[in-house]
């Protein structure tokens, strides 16, 4: 993320900004990669690059139960927005 912040500060043209998006996308995939590697799976997990499916799994595991429904929704929404923005 630090590299992406530096890159956006130095961006001057469209290809520079596209490169920032690629860096952000890589950071998001790395985030879910940590969770993928840390978990013990009894069922077949989704494909490693399926960010949306992993977002569901991670959020549901980190914030279980009805008491965390709003927090879980906010986290899912933020991750979905980040993913959409980095791919746009």
Protein backbone atom coordinates (compact mmCIF):
# COMPACT_ATOMS: atom_id res chain seq x y z
CA UNK A 1 0.00 0.00 0.00
CA UNK A 2 2.91 2.30 0.69
CA UNK A 3 4.15 1.82 -2.88
CA UNK A 4 0.68 2.60 -4.23
CA UNK A 5 0.55 5.79 -2.15
CA UNK A 6 3.91 6.91 -3.49
CA UNK A 7 2.91 6.00 -7.04
CA UNK A 8 -0.35 7.97 -6.90
CA UNK A 9 1.50 11.02 -5.57
CA UNK A 10 3.87 10.84 -8.55
CA UNK A 11 1.30 9.89 -11.20
CA UNK A 12 1.11 12.22 -14.19
CA UNK A 13 -0.77 10.39 -16.90
CA UNK A 14 -3.37 7.67 -17.45
CA UNK A 15 -0.89 4.80 -17.55
CA UNK A 16 0.58 5.95 -14.22
CA UNK A 17 -2.86 5.85 -12.62
CA UNK A 18 -3.57 2.44 -14.16
CA UNK A 19 -0.36 1.17 -12.59
CA UNK A 20 -1.61 2.41 -9.21
CA UNK A 21 -4.80 0.40 -9.74
CA UNK A 22 -2.75 -2.71 -10.49
CA UNK A 23 -0.73 -2.22 -7.29
CA UNK A 24 -3.92 -1.80 -5.26
CA UNK A 25 -5.40 -4.93 -6.80
CA UNK A 26 -2.24 -6.88 -5.96
CA UNK A 27 -2.40 -5.63 -2.36
CA UNK A 28 -6.01 -6.79 -2.03
CA UNK A 29 -5.15 -10.22 -3.44
CA UNK A 30 -2.23 -10.44 -1.02
CA UNK A 31 -4.60 -9.62 1.84
CA UNK A 32 -6.90 -12.52 1.02
CA UNK A 33 -3.86 -14.71 0.31
CA UNK A 34 -2.78 -14.39 3.94
CA UNK A 35 -6.19 -15.60 5.08
CA UNK A 36 -6.16 -18.43 2.55
CA UNK A 37 -2.80 -19.69 3.78
CA UNK A 38 -3.70 -19.37 7.47
CA UNK A 39 -6.97 -21.31 7.33
CA UNK A 40 -7.52 -25.03 7.67
CA UNK A 41 -10.00 -26.17 5.02
CA UNK A 42 -12.39 -29.07 5.34
CA UNK A 43 -14.23 -28.20 2.13
CA UNK A 44 -12.77 -27.14 -1.20
CA UNK A 45 -12.06 -23.39 -0.96
CA UNK A 46 -12.85 -20.96 -3.81
CA UNK A 47 -10.17 -20.20 -6.37
CA UNK A 48 -7.38 -18.08 -4.88
CA UNK A 49 -8.10 -15.06 -7.11
CA UNK A 50 -11.86 -15.04 -6.41
CA UNK A 51 -11.74 -11.89 -4.29
CA UNK A 52 -15.49 -11.57 -3.79
CA UNK A 53 -15.92 -15.15 -2.55
CA UNK A 54 -12.96 -14.77 -0.19
CA UNK A 55 -14.32 -11.48 1.11
CA UNK A 56 -17.49 -13.31 2.13
CA UNK A 57 -15.56 -16.07 3.89
CA UNK A 58 -13.14 -13.74 5.67
CA UNK A 59 -15.79 -11.28 6.86
CA UNK A 60 -18.11 -14.05 8.03
CA UNK A 61 -15.29 -15.69 10.00
CA UNK A 62 -13.89 -12.50 11.50
CA UNK A 63 -17.27 -11.05 12.47
CA UNK A 64 -19.68 -13.92 13.16
CA UNK A 65 -23.20 -13.74 14.63
CA UNK A 66 -26.05 -11.29 14.38
CA UNK A 67 -24.39 -8.86 16.78
CA UNK A 68 -21.77 -8.14 14.09
CA UNK A 69 -24.17 -7.92 11.17
CA UNK A 70 -23.68 -4.17 10.59
CA UNK A 71 -19.89 -4.33 11.06
CA UNK A 72 -19.71 -7.30 8.68
CA UNK A 73 -21.79 -5.43 6.12
CA UNK A 74 -19.62 -2.33 6.39
CA UNK A 75 -16.41 -4.34 5.96
CA UNK A 76 -17.82 -6.25 2.98
CA UNK A 77 -18.96 -3.01 1.40
CA UNK A 78 -15.57 -1.35 1.90
CA UNK A 79 -13.73 -4.34 0.41
CA UNK A 80 -16.13 -4.51 -2.54
CA UNK A 81 -15.65 -0.79 -3.19
CA UNK A 82 -11.87 -1.14 -2.99
CA UNK A 83 -11.94 -4.07 -5.42
CA UNK A 84 -14.22 -2.28 -7.88
CA UNK A 85 -12.13 0.90 -7.68
CA UNK A 86 -8.82 -0.93 -8.20
CA UNK A 87 -10.19 -2.66 -11.28
CA UNK A 88 -11.82 0.44 -12.80
